[in-house]
Protein backbone atom coordinates (compact mmCIF):
# COMPACT_ATOMS: atom_id res chain seq x y z
CA UNK A 1 0.00 -0.01 -0.02
CA UNK A 2 1.18 3.54 -0.60
CA UNK A 3 1.29 5.94 2.34
CA UNK A 4 1.76 9.78 1.95
CA UNK A 5 3.38 12.20 4.28
CA UNK A 6 5.19 15.53 4.11
CA UNK A 7 8.92 15.64 3.51
CA UNK A 8 11.41 16.19 6.26
CA UNK A 9 10.41 13.49 8.81
CA UNK A 10 10.63 14.15 12.49
CA UNK A 11 9.58 12.04 15.40
CA UNK A 12 5.87 11.95 14.68
CA UNK A 13 6.01 10.89 11.01
CA UNK A 14 8.94 8.50 11.64
CA UNK A 15 6.97 6.84 14.48
CA UNK A 16 3.88 6.56 12.41
CA UNK A 17 5.90 4.99 9.57
CA UNK A 18 7.38 2.53 12.12
CA UNK A 19 3.86 1.63 13.43
CA UNK A 20 2.61 1.08 9.93
CA UNK A 21 5.55 -1.19 8.99
CA UNK A 22 5.45 -3.10 12.36
CA UNK A 23 1.65 -3.64 12.75
CA UNK A 24 -0.28 -2.78 9.61
CA UNK A 25 1.60 -3.27 6.32
CA UNK A 26 4.40 -5.69 5.68
CA UNK A 27 5.50 -3.92 2.54
CA UNK A 28 4.53 -0.22 2.65
CA UNK A 29 5.60 2.40 0.15
CA UNK A 30 6.03 5.84 1.65
CA UNK A 31 5.65 8.89 -0.55
CA UNK A 32 7.11 12.23 0.67
CA UNK A 33 5.43 15.37 -0.65
CA UNK A 34 6.38 18.95 -0.54
CA UNK A 35 3.05 20.60 0.51
CA UNK A 36 0.79 19.65 3.31
CA UNK A 37 -2.22 20.41 1.05
CA UNK A 38 -1.17 17.45 -1.03
CA UNK A 39 -1.44 15.07 1.97
CA UNK A 40 -4.84 13.63 2.78
CA UNK A 41 -6.16 14.05 6.31
CA UNK A 42 -5.58 10.40 7.16
CA UNK A 43 -1.91 10.32 5.95
CA UNK A 44 1.15 9.27 7.94
CA UNK A 45 1.77 11.48 11.04
CA UNK A 46 -1.05 13.86 10.30
CA UNK A 47 -3.08 13.18 13.53
CA UNK A 48 -3.35 15.95 16.04
CA UNK A 49 -0.63 15.81 18.71
CA UNK A 50 -1.52 15.37 22.35
CA UNK A 51 0.71 17.23 24.69
CA UNK A 52 0.77 14.52 27.32
CA UNK A 53 2.81 12.26 24.89
CA UNK A 54 5.66 14.62 25.48
CA UNK A 55 5.65 13.97 29.21
CA UNK A 56 7.45 10.61 28.96
CA UNK A 57 11.03 10.97 30.28
CA UNK A 58 12.49 9.62 26.99
CA UNK A 59 10.50 11.98 24.71
CA UNK A 60 12.90 14.95 24.80
CA UNK A 61 15.87 12.82 24.09
CA UNK A 62 14.23 10.91 21.30
CA UNK A 63 13.04 14.17 19.72
CA UNK A 64 16.59 15.67 19.80
CA UNK A 65 18.08 12.42 18.22
CA UNK A 66 15.49 12.40 15.45
CA UNK A 67 15.81 16.04 14.70
CA UNK A 68 19.62 15.65 14.44
CA UNK A 69 19.19 12.64 12.12
CA UNK A 70 16.83 14.56 9.96
CA UNK A 71 19.39 17.26 9.44
CA UNK A 72 21.96 14.79 8.03
CA UNK A 73 19.73 12.40 6.17
CA UNK A 74 16.91 12.15 3.70
CA UNK A 75 13.46 10.86 4.50
CA UNK A 76 13.97 7.31 3.29
CA UNK A 77 17.26 7.00 5.24
CA UNK A 78 15.55 8.54 8.33
CA UNK A 79 13.02 5.72 8.35
CA UNK A 80 15.78 3.14 8.07
CA UNK A 81 17.75 4.80 10.86
CA UNK A 82 14.88 5.28 13.22
CA UNK A 83 13.28 1.85 12.91
CA UNK A 84 15.84 0.20 15.34
CA UNK A 85 15.34 3.10 17.81
CA UNK A 86 11.60 2.54 17.82
CA UNK A 87 12.12 -1.22 18.00
CA UNK A 88 14.23 -0.80 21.13
CA UNK A 89 11.93 1.62 22.76
CA UNK A 90 8.94 -0.65 22.06
CA UNK A 91 10.75 -3.68 23.52
CA UNK A 92 11.93 -1.80 26.64
CA UNK A 93 8.41 -0.48 27.34
CA UNK A 94 6.81 -3.87 26.61
CA UNK A 95 9.20 -5.60 29.04
CA UNK A 96 8.70 -2.89 31.68
CA UNK A 97 4.98 -3.45 31.53
CA UNK A 98 5.26 -7.19 31.79
CA UNK A 99 7.80 -7.01 34.67
CA UNK A 100 6.18 -4.15 36.53
CA UNK A 101 9.54 -2.37 36.54
CA UNK A 102 12.19 -1.21 34.15
CA UNK A 103 14.22 -4.03 32.74
CA UNK A 104 17.87 -4.15 33.59
């Protein structure tokens, strides 16, 4: 399936692409467009942001890392580089939930 989003991925669009790849579509094609008007309302990373999602302790660091990567890489490469970060974060949070504490 083809998924559209704006160019210059940051944490929200990279995370949405990771979620799509991990849970919804085994072989997605991401299309990066210049203008937000070209992106449909249900496109990747276009959902309204909730401020409480930034309260997690790891949010600020992850945001800085992804912003830095976006300055030195194109969108396709960004998705390649960020996937292992989101995999690790997902696994850490999943294990913490199952253990009832942070894993060591």
